[in-house]
């Protein structure tokens, strides 16, 4: 199933009905992409999780890179490496400014060595 990217669908992001997630303290999305529906869901959670302490958006599907030891980078498919920069741009454009100041926010992205592979 294909998912429209926030960069391909020019309509504004949809608003999901309000719901207070009063007990949600930590959110980790593994495999975060620029898919419009995923960006919308993330924005909804950030807006309605009043006790949020930690948010992690993982663009690598939990396949970790190691800047210190390039030999330990897990080989990733070209699709993941091509989508990761788009996911990072979606985070910068639509999500970063919605993260509560009290929450620790982190984004997992490919290391510089993997970025070189993605650009070639």
PDB file of N, CA and C in Angstrom:
ATOM      1  N   UNK A   1       0.842  -1.184   0.000  1.00  0.00           N
ATOM      2  CA  UNK A   1       0.000   0.000   0.000  1.00  0.00           C
ATOM      3  C   UNK A   1       0.887   1.247   0.000  1.00  0.00           C
ATOM      4  N   UNK A   2       0.644   2.152  -0.932  1.00  0.00           N
ATOM      5  CA  UNK A   2       1.411   3.380  -0.991  1.00  0.00           C
ATOM      6  C   UNK A   2       0.850   4.427  -0.045  1.00  0.00           C
ATOM      7  N   UNK A   3       1.724   5.269   0.457  1.00  0.00           N
ATOM      8  CA  UNK A   3       1.309   6.342   1.354  1.00  0.00           C
ATOM      9  C   UNK A   3       1.732   7.668   0.756  1.00  0.00           C
ATOM     10  N   UNK A   4       0.811   8.608   0.700  1.00  0.00           N
ATOM     11  CA  UNK A   4       1.124   9.935   0.179  1.00  0.00           C
ATOM     12  C   UNK A   4       2.091  10.630   1.121  1.00  0.00           C
ATOM     13  N   UNK A   5       3.123  11.219   0.560  1.00  0.00           N
ATOM     14  CA  UNK A   5       4.089  11.973   1.341  1.00  0.00           C
ATOM     15  C   UNK A   5       3.525  13.350   1.642  1.00  0.00           C
ATOM     16  N   UNK A   6       3.938  13.945   2.738  1.00  0.00           N
ATOM     17  CA  UNK A   6       3.518  15.314   3.050  1.00  0.00           C
ATOM     18  C   UNK A   6       4.034  16.278   1.995  1.00  0.00           C
ATOM     19  N   UNK A   7       5.040  15.866   1.234  1.00  0.00           N
ATOM     20  CA  UNK A   7       5.590  16.725   0.197  1.00  0.00           C
ATOM     21  C   UNK A   7       4.871  16.562  -1.136  1.00  0.00           C
ATOM     22  N   UNK A   8       4.150  15.461  -1.319  1.00  0.00           N
ATOM     23  CA  UNK A   8       3.433  15.203  -2.563  1.00  0.00           C
ATOM     24  C   UNK A   8       1.975  15.634  -2.497  1.00  0.00           C
ATOM     25  N   UNK A   9       1.396  15.612  -1.310  1.00  0.00           N
ATOM     26  CA  UNK A   9      -0.004  15.981  -1.121  1.00  0.00           C
ATOM     27  C   UNK A   9      -0.032  17.417  -0.615  1.00  0.00           C
ATOM     28  N   UNK A  10      -0.473  18.338  -1.448  1.00  0.00           N
ATOM     29  CA  UNK A  10      -0.402  19.758  -1.100  1.00  0.00           C
ATOM     30  C   UNK A  10      -1.516  20.226  -0.155  1.00  0.00           C
ATOM     31  N   UNK A  11      -2.496  19.377   0.117  1.00  0.00           N
ATOM     32  CA  UNK A  11      -3.549  19.787   1.043  1.00  0.00           C
ATOM     33  C   UNK A  11      -2.988  19.863   2.461  1.00  0.00           C
ATOM     34  N   UNK A  12      -3.647  20.622   3.306  1.00  0.00           N
ATOM     35  CA  UNK A  12      -3.158  20.791   4.671  1.00  0.00           C
ATOM     36  C   UNK A  12      -3.320  19.496   5.461  1.00  0.00           C
ATOM     37  N   UNK A  13      -2.587  19.419   6.556  1.00  0.00           N
ATOM     38  CA  UNK A  13      -2.684  18.240   7.417  1.00  0.00           C
ATOM     39  C   UNK A  13      -4.065  18.186   8.062  1.00  0.00           C
ATOM     40  N   UNK A  14      -4.621  16.995   8.110  1.00  0.00           N
ATOM     41  CA  UNK A  14      -5.934  16.810   8.741  1.00  0.00           C
ATOM     42  C   UNK A  14      -5.805  16.894  10.250  1.00  0.00           C
ATOM     43  N   UNK A  15      -6.868  17.312  10.888  1.00  0.00           N
ATOM     44  CA  UNK A  15      -6.939  17.357  12.341  1.00  0.00           C
ATOM     45  C   UNK A  15      -7.752  16.163  12.814  1.00  0.00           C
ATOM     46  N   UNK A  16      -7.210  15.408  13.751  1.00  0.00           N
ATOM     47  CA  UNK A  16      -7.919  14.268  14.327  1.00  0.00           C
ATOM     48  C   UNK A  16      -8.669  14.772  15.552  1.00  0.00           C
ATOM     49  N   UNK A  17      -9.843  14.201  15.807  1.00  0.00           N
ATOM     50  CA  UNK A  17     -10.642  14.622  16.962  1.00  0.00           C
ATOM     51  C   UNK A  17      -9.803  14.651  18.235  1.00  0.00           C
ATOM     52  N   UNK A  18     -10.073  15.647  19.052  1.00  0.00           N
ATOM     53  CA  UNK A  18      -9.367  15.812  20.320  1.00  0.00           C
ATOM     54  C   UNK A  18      -9.576  14.602  21.217  1.00  0.00           C
ATOM     55  N   UNK A  19      -8.519  14.170  21.860  1.00  0.00           N
ATOM     56  CA  UNK A  19      -8.580  13.116  22.859  1.00  0.00           C
ATOM     57  C   UNK A  19      -7.399  13.328  23.782  1.00  0.00           C
ATOM     58  N   UNK A  20      -7.633  13.331  25.080  1.00  0.00           N
ATOM     59  CA  UNK A  20      -6.575  13.586  26.045  1.00  0.00           C
ATOM     60  C   UNK A  20      -5.918  12.275  26.458  1.00  0.00           C
ATOM     61  N   UNK A  21      -4.655  12.106  26.117  1.00  0.00           N
ATOM     62  CA  UNK A  21      -3.886  10.932  26.516  1.00  0.00           C
ATOM     63  C   UNK A  21      -3.114  11.285  27.789  1.00  0.00           C
ATOM     64  N   UNK A  22      -3.804  11.295  28.907  1.00  0.00           N
ATOM     65  CA  UNK A  22      -3.224  11.809  30.147  1.00  0.00           C
ATOM     66  C   UNK A  22      -2.130  10.924  30.742  1.00  0.00           C
ATOM     67  N   UNK A  23      -2.061   9.662  30.380  1.00  0.00           N
ATOM     68  CA  UNK A  23      -1.067   8.756  30.959  1.00  0.00           C
ATOM     69  C   UNK A  23       0.103   8.452  30.032  1.00  0.00           C
ATOM     70  N   UNK A  24       0.060   8.944  28.820  1.00  0.00           N
ATOM     71  CA  UNK A  24       1.115   8.657  27.856  1.00  0.00           C
ATOM     72  C   UNK A  24       2.343   9.504  28.167  1.00  0.00           C
ATOM     73  N   UNK A  25       3.451   8.834  28.517  1.00  0.00           N
ATOM     74  CA  UNK A  25       4.660   9.552  28.901  1.00  0.00           C
ATOM     75  C   UNK A  25       5.781   9.438  27.875  1.00  0.00           C
ATOM     76  N   UNK A  26       5.790   8.360  27.115  1.00  0.00           N
ATOM     77  CA  UNK A  26       6.870   8.135  26.169  1.00  0.00           C
ATOM     78  C   UNK A  26       6.314   7.634  24.841  1.00  0.00           C
ATOM     79  N   UNK A  27       6.847   8.183  23.742  1.00  0.00           N
ATOM     80  CA  UNK A  27       6.438   7.784  22.400  1.00  0.00           C
ATOM     81  C   UNK A  27       7.688   7.485  21.589  1.00  0.00           C
ATOM     82  N   UNK A  28       7.709   6.313  20.940  1.00  0.00           N
ATOM     83  CA  UNK A  28       8.765   5.996  19.995  1.00  0.00           C
ATOM     84  C   UNK A  28       8.095   5.453  18.741  1.00  0.00           C
ATOM     85  N   UNK A  29       8.390   6.083  17.618  1.00  0.00           N
ATOM     86  CA  UNK A  29       7.888   5.604  16.337  1.00  0.00           C
ATOM     87  C   UNK A  29       9.081   5.108  15.551  1.00  0.00           C
ATOM     88  N   UNK A  30       9.130   3.798  15.363  1.00  0.00           N
ATOM     89  CA  UNK A  30      10.200   3.177  14.594  1.00  0.00           C
ATOM     90  C   UNK A  30       9.735   3.062  13.151  1.00  0.00           C
ATOM     91  N   UNK A  31      10.582   3.503  12.230  1.00  0.00           N
ATOM     92  CA  UNK A  31      10.198   3.513  10.823  1.00  0.00           C
ATOM     93  C   UNK A  31       9.457   4.778  10.458  1.00  0.00           C
ATOM     94  N   UNK A  32       9.785   5.883  11.123  1.00  0.00           N
ATOM     95  CA  UNK A  32       9.126   7.158  10.820  1.00  0.00           C
ATOM     96  C   UNK A  32       9.484   7.578   9.396  1.00  0.00           C
ATOM     97  N   UNK A  33       8.459   7.943   8.620  1.00  0.00           N
ATOM     98  CA  UNK A  33       8.645   8.381   7.239  1.00  0.00           C
ATOM     99  C   UNK A  33       7.924   9.707   7.018  1.00  0.00           C
ATOM    100  N   UNK A  34       7.978  10.191   5.785  1.00  0.00           N
ATOM    101  CA  UNK A  34       7.286  11.424   5.441  1.00  0.00           C
ATOM    102  C   UNK A  34       5.825  11.179   5.056  1.00  0.00           C
ATOM    103  N   UNK A  35       5.312   9.973   5.314  1.00  0.00           N
ATOM    104  CA  UNK A  35       3.916   9.671   4.993  1.00  0.00           C
ATOM    105  C   UNK A  35       2.991  10.651   5.718  1.00  0.00           C
ATOM    106  N   UNK A  36       2.106  11.264   4.965  1.00  0.00           N
ATOM    107  CA  UNK A  36       1.222  12.288   5.515  1.00  0.00           C
ATOM    108  C   UNK A  36       0.430  11.778   6.714  1.00  0.00           C
ATOM    109  N   UNK A  37      -0.097  10.558   6.619  1.00  0.00           N
ATOM    110  CA  UNK A  37      -0.897  10.019   7.726  1.00  0.00           C
ATOM    111  C   UNK A  37      -0.054   9.842   8.987  1.00  0.00           C
ATOM    112  N   UNK A  38       1.218   9.475   8.852  1.00  0.00           N
ATOM    113  CA  UNK A  38       2.091   9.310  10.009  1.00  0.00           C
ATOM    114  C   UNK A  38       2.443  10.660  10.622  1.00  0.00           C
ATOM    115  N   UNK A  39       2.671  11.654   9.800  1.00  0.00           N
ATOM    116  CA  UNK A  39       2.931  13.010  10.297  1.00  0.00           C
ATOM    117  C   UNK A  39       1.699  13.532  11.033  1.00  0.00           C
ATOM    118  N   UNK A  40       0.517  13.303  10.479  1.00  0.00           N
ATOM    119  CA  UNK A  40      -0.731  13.738  11.125  1.00  0.00           C
ATOM    120  C   UNK A  40      -0.923  13.055  12.472  1.00  0.00           C
ATOM    121  N   UNK A  41      -0.682  11.749  12.525  1.00  0.00           N
ATOM    122  CA  UNK A  41      -0.825  11.010  13.778  1.00  0.00           C
ATOM    123  C   UNK A  41       0.156  11.530  14.821  1.00  0.00           C
ATOM    124  N   UNK A  42       1.397  11.767  14.415  1.00  0.00           N
ATOM    125  CA  UNK A  42       2.411  12.264  15.344  1.00  0.00           C
ATOM    126  C   UNK A  42       2.008  13.634  15.896  1.00  0.00           C
ATOM    127  N   UNK A  43       1.528  14.513  15.033  1.00  0.00           N
ATOM    128  CA  UNK A  43       1.076  15.838  15.478  1.00  0.00           C
ATOM    129  C   UNK A  43      -0.086  15.704  16.462  1.00  0.00           C
ATOM    130  N   UNK A  44      -1.004  14.794  16.186  1.00  0.00           N
ATOM    131  CA  UNK A  44      -2.149  14.566  17.072  1.00  0.00           C
ATOM    132  C   UNK A  44      -1.680  14.104  18.455  1.00  0.00           C
ATOM    133  N   UNK A  45      -0.768  13.159  18.499  1.00  0.00           N
ATOM    134  CA  UNK A  45      -0.273  12.656  19.780  1.00  0.00           C
ATOM    135  C   UNK A  45       0.438  13.776  20.543  1.00  0.00           C
ATOM    136  N   UNK A  46       1.277  14.542  19.849  1.00  0.00           N
ATOM    137  CA  UNK A  46       1.995  15.633  20.519  1.00  0.00           C
ATOM    138  C   UNK A  46       1.047  16.668  21.099  1.00  0.00           C
ATOM    139  N   UNK A  47      -0.021  16.932  20.416  1.00  0.00           N
ATOM    140  CA  UNK A  47      -0.991  17.934  20.878  1.00  0.00           C
ATOM    141  C   UNK A  47      -1.797  17.441  22.077  1.00  0.00           C
ATOM    142  N   UNK A  48      -2.050  16.138  22.151  1.00  0.00           N
ATOM    143  CA  UNK A  48      -2.997  15.614  23.141  1.00  0.00           C
ATOM    144  C   UNK A  48      -2.387  14.783  24.262  1.00  0.00           C
ATOM    145  N   UNK A  49      -1.104  14.528  24.232  1.00  0.00           N
ATOM    146  CA  UNK A  49      -0.454  13.777  25.312  1.00  0.00           C
ATOM    147  C   UNK A  49       0.105  14.779  26.313  1.00  0.00           C
ATOM    148  N   UNK A  50      -0.675  15.093  27.312  1.00  0.00           N
ATOM    149  CA  UNK A  50      -0.339  16.179  28.231  1.00  0.00           C
ATOM    150  C   UNK A  50       0.790  15.838  29.208  1.00  0.00           C
ATOM    151  N   UNK A  51       1.104  14.569  29.390  1.00  0.00           N
ATOM    152  CA  UNK A  51       2.155  14.152  30.328  1.00  0.00           C
ATOM    153  C   UNK A  51       3.412  13.658  29.618  1.00  0.00           C
ATOM    154  N   UNK A  52       3.560  14.006  28.364  1.00  0.00           N
ATOM    155  CA  UNK A  52       4.649  13.486  27.550  1.00  0.00           C
ATOM    156  C   UNK A  52       6.013  13.908  28.087  1.00  0.00           C
ATOM    157  N   UNK A  53       6.907  12.929  28.268  1.00  0.00           N
ATOM    158  CA  UNK A  53       8.262  13.187  28.759  1.00  0.00           C
ATOM    159  C   UNK A  53       9.322  12.915  27.704  1.00  0.00           C
ATOM    160  N   UNK A  54       9.015  12.037  26.743  1.00  0.00           N
ATOM    161  CA  UNK A  54      10.023  11.620  25.781  1.00  0.00           C
ATOM    162  C   UNK A  54       9.377  11.271  24.441  1.00  0.00           C
ATOM    163  N   UNK A  55      10.010  11.760  23.353  1.00  0.00           N
ATOM    164  CA  UNK A  55       9.547  11.464  21.997  1.00  0.00           C
ATOM    165  C   UNK A  55      10.766  11.075  21.163  1.00  0.00           C
ATOM    166  N   UNK A  56      10.708   9.895  20.538  1.00  0.00           N
ATOM    167  CA  UNK A  56      11.775   9.449  19.649  1.00  0.00           C
ATOM    168  C   UNK A  56      11.163   9.077  18.305  1.00  0.00           C
ATOM    169  N   UNK A  57      11.678   9.679  17.256  1.00  0.00           N
ATOM    170  CA  UNK A  57      11.259   9.346  15.896  1.00  0.00           C
ATOM    171  C   UNK A  57      12.453   8.686  15.215  1.00  0.00           C
ATOM    172  N   UNK A  58      12.289   7.423  14.869  1.00  0.00           N
ATOM    173  CA  UNK A  58      13.372   6.608  14.331  1.00  0.00           C
ATOM    174  C   UNK A  58      13.159   6.409  12.831  1.00  0.00           C
ATOM    175  N   UNK A  59      13.982   7.049  12.020  1.00  0.00           N
ATOM    176  CA  UNK A  59      13.852   6.945  10.559  1.00  0.00           C
ATOM    177  C   UNK A  59      14.527   5.696  10.007  1.00  0.00           C
ATOM    178  N   UNK A  60      15.158   4.905  10.874  1.00  0.00           N
ATOM    179  CA  UNK A  60      15.942   3.754  10.426  1.00  0.00           C
ATOM    180  C   UNK A  60      15.315   2.408  10.774  1.00  0.00           C
ATOM    181  N   UNK A  61      14.089   2.391  11.232  1.00  0.00           N
ATOM    182  CA  UNK A  61      13.431   1.122  11.561  1.00  0.00           C
ATOM    183  C   UNK A  61      14.236   0.332  12.582  1.00  0.00           C
ATOM    184  N   UNK A  62      14.841   1.021  13.535  1.00  0.00           N
ATOM    185  CA  UNK A  62      15.669   0.437  14.600  1.00  0.00           C
ATOM    186  C   UNK A  62      16.966  -0.180  14.085  1.00  0.00           C
ATOM    187  N   UNK A  63      17.383   0.139  12.879  1.00  0.00           N
ATOM    188  CA  UNK A  63      18.684  -0.302  12.367  1.00  0.00           C
ATOM    189  C   UNK A  63      19.664   0.816  12.695  1.00  0.00           C
ATOM    190  N   UNK A  64      20.460   0.636  13.707  1.00  0.00           N
ATOM    191  CA  UNK A  64      21.306   1.705  14.214  1.00  0.00           C
ATOM    192  C   UNK A  64      22.602   1.848  13.447  1.00  0.00           C
ATOM    193  N   UNK A  65      23.023   3.083  13.308  1.00  0.00           N
ATOM    194  CA  UNK A  65      24.318   3.402  12.716  1.00  0.00           C
ATOM    195  C   UNK A  65      25.295   3.704  13.843  1.00  0.00           C
ATOM    196  N   UNK A  66      26.563   3.640  13.529  1.00  0.00           N
ATOM    197  CA  UNK A  66      27.595   3.969  14.503  1.00  0.00           C
ATOM    198  C   UNK A  66      28.611   4.885  13.852  1.00  0.00           C
ATOM    199  N   UNK A  67      28.568   6.159  14.188  1.00  0.00           N
ATOM    200  CA  UNK A  67      29.529   7.120  13.629  1.00  0.00           C
ATOM    201  C   UNK A  67      30.946   6.793  14.078  1.00  0.00           C
ATOM    202  N   UNK A  68      31.086   6.222  15.286  1.00  0.00           N
ATOM    203  CA  UNK A  68      32.411   5.936  15.807  1.00  0.00           C
ATOM    204  C   UNK A  68      33.048   4.738  15.100  1.00  0.00           C
ATOM    205  N   UNK A  69      32.246   3.763  14.715  1.00  0.00           N
ATOM    206  CA  UNK A  69      32.771   2.535  14.117  1.00  0.00           C
ATOM    207  C   UNK A  69      31.935   2.200  12.894  1.00  0.00           C
ATOM    208  N   UNK A  70      32.330   2.731  11.744  1.00  0.00           N
ATOM    209  CA  UNK A  70      31.537   2.559  10.527  1.00  0.00           C
ATOM    210  C   UNK A  70      31.316   1.096  10.176  1.00  0.00           C
ATOM    211  N   UNK A  71      32.232   0.232  10.588  1.00  0.00           N
ATOM    212  CA  UNK A  71      32.081  -1.187  10.277  1.00  0.00           C
ATOM    213  C   UNK A  71      30.868  -1.784  10.986  1.00  0.00           C
ATOM    214  N   UNK A  72      30.375  -1.117  12.038  1.00  0.00           N
ATOM    215  CA  UNK A  72      29.245  -1.680  12.776  1.00  0.00           C
ATOM    216  C   UNK A  72      27.901  -1.158  12.272  1.00  0.00           C
ATOM    217  N   UNK A  73      27.883  -0.300  11.251  1.00  0.00           N
ATOM    218  CA  UNK A  73      26.616   0.138  10.669  1.00  0.00           C
ATOM    219  C   UNK A  73      25.930  -1.061  10.031  1.00  0.00           C
ATOM    220  N   UNK A  74      24.667  -1.227  10.331  1.00  0.00           N
ATOM    221  CA  UNK A  74      23.904  -2.329   9.770  1.00  0.00           C
ATOM    222  C   UNK A  74      23.553  -1.977   8.334  1.00  0.00           C
ATOM    223  N   UNK A  75      23.780  -2.883   7.373  1.00  0.00           N
ATOM    224  CA  UNK A  75      23.460  -2.553   5.977  1.00  0.00           C
ATOM    225  C   UNK A  75      21.964  -2.305   5.796  1.00  0.00           C
ATOM    226  N   UNK A  76      21.630  -1.166   5.230  1.00  0.00           N
ATOM    227  CA  UNK A  76      20.238  -0.769   5.041  1.00  0.00           C
ATOM    228  C   UNK A  76      19.900  -0.734   3.563  1.00  0.00           C
ATOM    229  N   UNK A  77      18.646  -0.964   3.253  1.00  0.00           N
ATOM    230  CA  UNK A  77      18.189  -0.903   1.877  1.00  0.00           C
ATOM    231  C   UNK A  77      18.208   0.528   1.354  1.00  0.00           C
ATOM    232  N   UNK A  78      18.330   0.653   0.052  1.00  0.00           N
ATOM    233  CA  UNK A  78      18.363   1.975  -0.575  1.00  0.00           C
ATOM    234  C   UNK A  78      17.081   2.752  -0.314  1.00  0.00           C
ATOM    235  N   UNK A  79      15.943   2.060  -0.229  1.00  0.00           N
ATOM    236  CA  UNK A  79      14.677   2.740   0.043  1.00  0.00           C
ATOM    237  C   UNK A  79      14.693   3.471   1.368  1.00  0.00           C
ATOM    238  N   UNK A  80      15.228   2.830   2.402  1.00  0.00           N
ATOM    239  CA  UNK A  80      15.330   3.461   3.725  1.00  0.00           C
ATOM    240  C   UNK A  80      16.268   4.655   3.647  1.00  0.00           C
ATOM    241  N   UNK A  81      17.401   4.483   2.980  1.00  0.00           N
ATOM    242  CA  UNK A  81      18.373   5.571   2.894  1.00  0.00           C
ATOM    243  C   UNK A  81      17.857   6.746   2.063  1.00  0.00           C
ATOM    244  N   UNK A  82      17.015   6.484   1.070  1.00  0.00           N
ATOM    245  CA  UNK A  82      16.428   7.580   0.280  1.00  0.00           C
ATOM    246  C   UNK A  82      15.304   8.281   1.041  1.00  0.00           C
ATOM    247  N   UNK A  83      14.541   7.531   1.850  1.00  0.00           N
ATOM    248  CA  UNK A  83      13.408   8.121   2.569  1.00  0.00           C
ATOM    249  C   UNK A  83      13.848   8.892   3.808  1.00  0.00           C
ATOM    250  N   UNK A  84      14.933   8.480   4.435  1.00  0.00           N
ATOM    251  CA  UNK A  84      15.362   9.114   5.690  1.00  0.00           C
ATOM    252  C   UNK A  84      15.497  10.638   5.581  1.00  0.00           C
ATOM    253  N   UNK A  85      16.150  11.205   4.543  1.00  0.00           N
ATOM    254  CA  UNK A  85      16.232  12.669   4.457  1.00  0.00           C
ATOM    255  C   UNK A  85      14.850  13.327   4.307  1.00  0.00           C
ATOM    256  N   UNK A  86      13.934  12.663   3.607  1.00  0.00           N
ATOM    257  CA  UNK A  86      12.573  13.202   3.466  1.00  0.00           C
ATOM    258  C   UNK A  86      11.858  13.178   4.818  1.00  0.00           C
ATOM    259  N   UNK A  87      12.062  12.106   5.574  1.00  0.00           N
ATOM    260  CA  UNK A  87      11.461  12.012   6.912  1.00  0.00           C
ATOM    261  C   UNK A  87      12.014  13.106   7.820  1.00  0.00           C
ATOM    262  N   UNK A  88      13.321  13.352   7.735  1.00  0.00           N
ATOM    263  CA  UNK A  88      13.941  14.403   8.557  1.00  0.00           C
ATOM    264  C   UNK A  88      13.382  15.777   8.205  1.00  0.00           C
ATOM    265  N   UNK A  89      13.176  16.036   6.933  1.00  0.00           N
ATOM    266  CA  UNK A  89      12.594  17.311   6.506  1.00  0.00           C
ATOM    267  C   UNK A  89      11.154  17.438   7.010  1.00  0.00           C
ATOM    268  N   UNK A  90      10.395  16.350   6.974  1.00  0.00           N
ATOM    269  CA  UNK A  90       9.020  16.371   7.498  1.00  0.00           C
ATOM    270  C   UNK A  90       9.024  16.668   8.994  1.00  0.00           C
ATOM    271  N   UNK A  91       9.986  16.109   9.719  1.00  0.00           N
ATOM    272  CA  UNK A  91      10.106  16.385  11.154  1.00  0.00           C
ATOM    273  C   UNK A  91      10.383  17.868  11.364  1.00  0.00           C
ATOM    274  N   UNK A  92      11.364  18.403  10.634  1.00  0.00           N
ATOM    275  CA  UNK A  92      11.704  19.830  10.786  1.00  0.00           C
ATOM    276  C   UNK A  92      10.523  20.740  10.441  1.00  0.00           C
ATOM    277  N   UNK A  93       9.813  20.408   9.382  1.00  0.00           N
ATOM    278  CA  UNK A  93       8.754  21.284   8.887  1.00  0.00           C
ATOM    279  C   UNK A  93       7.459  21.186   9.694  1.00  0.00           C
ATOM    280  N   UNK A  94       7.090  19.981  10.148  1.00  0.00           N
ATOM    281  CA  UNK A  94       5.761  19.786  10.726  1.00  0.00           C
ATOM    282  C   UNK A  94       5.722  19.373  12.198  1.00  0.00           C
ATOM    283  N   UNK A  95       6.833  18.896  12.762  1.00  0.00           N
ATOM    284  CA  UNK A  95       6.756  18.279  14.081  1.00  0.00           C
ATOM    285  C   UNK A  95       7.569  18.989  15.159  1.00  0.00           C
ATOM    286  N   UNK A  96       8.785  19.368  14.857  1.00  0.00           N
ATOM    287  CA  UNK A  96       9.683  19.922  15.872  1.00  0.00           C
ATOM    288  C   UNK A  96       9.031  21.032  16.694  1.00  0.00           C
ATOM    289  N   UNK A  97       8.337  21.938  16.046  1.00  0.00           N
ATOM    290  CA  UNK A  97       7.728  23.069  16.764  1.00  0.00           C
ATOM    291  C   UNK A  97       6.498  22.666  17.591  1.00  0.00           C
ATOM    292  N   UNK A  98       6.054  21.418  17.474  1.00  0.00           N
ATOM    293  CA  UNK A  98       4.894  20.952  18.232  1.00  0.00           C
ATOM    294  C   UNK A  98       5.274  20.113  19.448  1.00  0.00           C
ATOM    295  N   UNK A  99       6.555  19.782  19.594  1.00  0.00           N
ATOM    296  CA  UNK A  99       7.002  18.979  20.733  1.00  0.00           C
ATOM    297  C   UNK A  99       6.989  19.865  21.978  1.00  0.00           C
ATOM    298  N   UNK A 100       6.342  19.398  23.053  1.00  0.00           N
ATOM    299  CA  UNK A 100       6.327  20.196  24.286  1.00  0.00           C
ATOM    300  C   UNK A 100       7.749  20.455  24.789  1.00  0.00           C
ATOM    301  N   UNK A 101       7.971  21.649  25.313  1.00  0.00           N
ATOM    302  CA  UNK A 101       9.297  22.024  25.803  1.00  0.00           C
ATOM    303  C   UNK A 101       9.769  21.100  26.923  1.00  0.00           C
ATOM    304  N   UNK A 102       8.848  20.523  27.658  1.00  0.00           N
ATOM    305  CA  UNK A 102       9.199  19.654  28.784  1.00  0.00           C
ATOM    306  C   UNK A 102       9.586  18.240  28.348  1.00  0.00           C
ATOM    307  N   UNK A 103       9.391  17.900  27.080  1.00  0.00           N
ATOM    308  CA  UNK A 103       9.675  16.541  26.601  1.00  0.00           C
ATOM    309  C   UNK A 103      11.055  16.462  25.960  1.00  0.00           C
ATOM    310  N   UNK A 104      11.747  15.365  26.221  1.00  0.00           N
ATOM    311  CA  UNK A 104      13.027  15.099  25.550  1.00  0.00           C
ATOM    312  C   UNK A 104      12.686  14.623  24.144  1.00  0.00           C
ATOM    313  N   UNK A 105      13.295  15.251  23.135  1.00  0.00           N
ATOM    314  CA  UNK A 105      12.974  14.951  21.744  1.00  0.00           C
ATOM    315  C   UNK A 105      14.223  14.479  21.024  1.00  0.00           C
ATOM    316  N   UNK A 106      14.135  13.320  20.368  1.00  0.00           N
ATOM    317  CA  UNK A 106      15.270  12.831  19.593  1.00  0.00           C
ATOM    318  C   UNK A 106      14.790  12.213  18.286  1.00  0.00           C
ATOM    319  N   UNK A 107      15.651  12.337  17.284  1.00  0.00           N
ATOM    320  CA  UNK A 107      15.375  11.784  15.964  1.00  0.00           C
ATOM    321  C   UNK A 107      16.566  10.917  15.588  1.00  0.00           C
ATOM    322  N   UNK A 108      16.296   9.661  15.231  1.00  0.00           N
ATOM    323  CA  UNK A 108      17.350   8.742  14.820  1.00  0.00           C
ATOM    324  C   UNK A 108      17.462   8.827  13.308  1.00  0.00           C
ATOM    325  N   UNK A 109      18.665   9.111  12.834  1.00  0.00           N
ATOM    326  CA  UNK A 109      18.894   9.271  11.403  1.00  0.00           C
ATOM    327  C   UNK A 109      20.172   8.552  10.992  1.00  0.00           C
ATOM    328  N   UNK A 110      20.370   8.339   9.696  1.00  0.00           N
ATOM    329  CA  UNK A 110      21.594   7.663   9.247  1.00  0.00           C
ATOM    330  C   UNK A 110      22.837   8.465   9.604  1.00  0.00           C
ATOM    331  N   UNK A 111      23.939   7.765   9.856  1.00  0.00           N
ATOM    332  CA  UNK A 111      25.208   8.439  10.133  1.00  0.00           C
ATOM    333  C   UNK A 111      25.739   9.087   8.851  1.00  0.00           C
ATOM    334  N   UNK A 112      26.805   9.855   8.963  1.00  0.00           N
ATOM    335  CA  UNK A 112      27.363  10.547   7.794  1.00  0.00           C
ATOM    336  C   UNK A 112      27.811   9.571   6.712  1.00  0.00           C
ATOM    337  N   UNK A 113      28.333   8.431   7.102  1.00  0.00           N
ATOM    338  CA  UNK A 113      28.778   7.441   6.112  1.00  0.00           C
ATOM    339  C   UNK A 113      27.577   6.922   5.327  1.00  0.00           C
ATOM    340  N   UNK A 114      26.476   6.622   6.017  1.00  0.00           N
ATOM    341  CA  UNK A 114      25.271   6.145   5.333  1.00  0.00           C
ATOM    342  C   UNK A 114      24.653   7.243   4.469  1.00  0.00           C
ATOM    343  N   UNK A 115      24.748   8.517   4.938  1.00  0.00           N
ATOM    344  CA  UNK A 115      24.245   9.628   4.127  1.00  0.00           C
ATOM    345  C   UNK A 115      24.963   9.678   2.783  1.00  0.00           C
ATOM    346  N   UNK A 116      26.263   9.390   2.764  1.00  0.00           N
ATOM    347  CA  UNK A 116      27.019   9.398   1.514  1.00  0.00           C
ATOM    348  C   UNK A 116      26.462   8.350   0.560  1.00  0.00           C
ATOM    349  N   UNK A 117      26.119   7.187   1.089  1.00  0.00           N
ATOM    350  CA  UNK A 117      25.553   6.121   0.272  1.00  0.00           C
ATOM    351  C   UNK A 117      24.198   6.566  -0.285  1.00  0.00           C
ATOM    352  N   UNK A 118      23.405   7.241   0.542  1.00  0.00           N
ATOM    353  CA  UNK A 118      22.058   7.665   0.126  1.00  0.00           C
ATOM    354  C   UNK A 118      22.118   8.691  -1.004  1.00  0.00           C
ATOM    355  N   UNK A 119      23.132   9.537  -0.997  1.00  0.00           N
ATOM    356  CA  UNK A 119      23.231  10.587  -2.021  1.00  0.00           C
ATOM    357  C   UNK A 119      23.772  10.076  -3.336  1.00  0.00           C
ATOM    358  N   UNK A 120      24.485   8.966  -3.325  1.00  0.00           N
ATOM    359  CA  UNK A 120      25.100   8.510  -4.578  1.00  0.00           C
ATOM    360  C   UNK A 120      24.171   7.705  -5.434  1.00  0.00           C
TER     361      UNK A 120
END
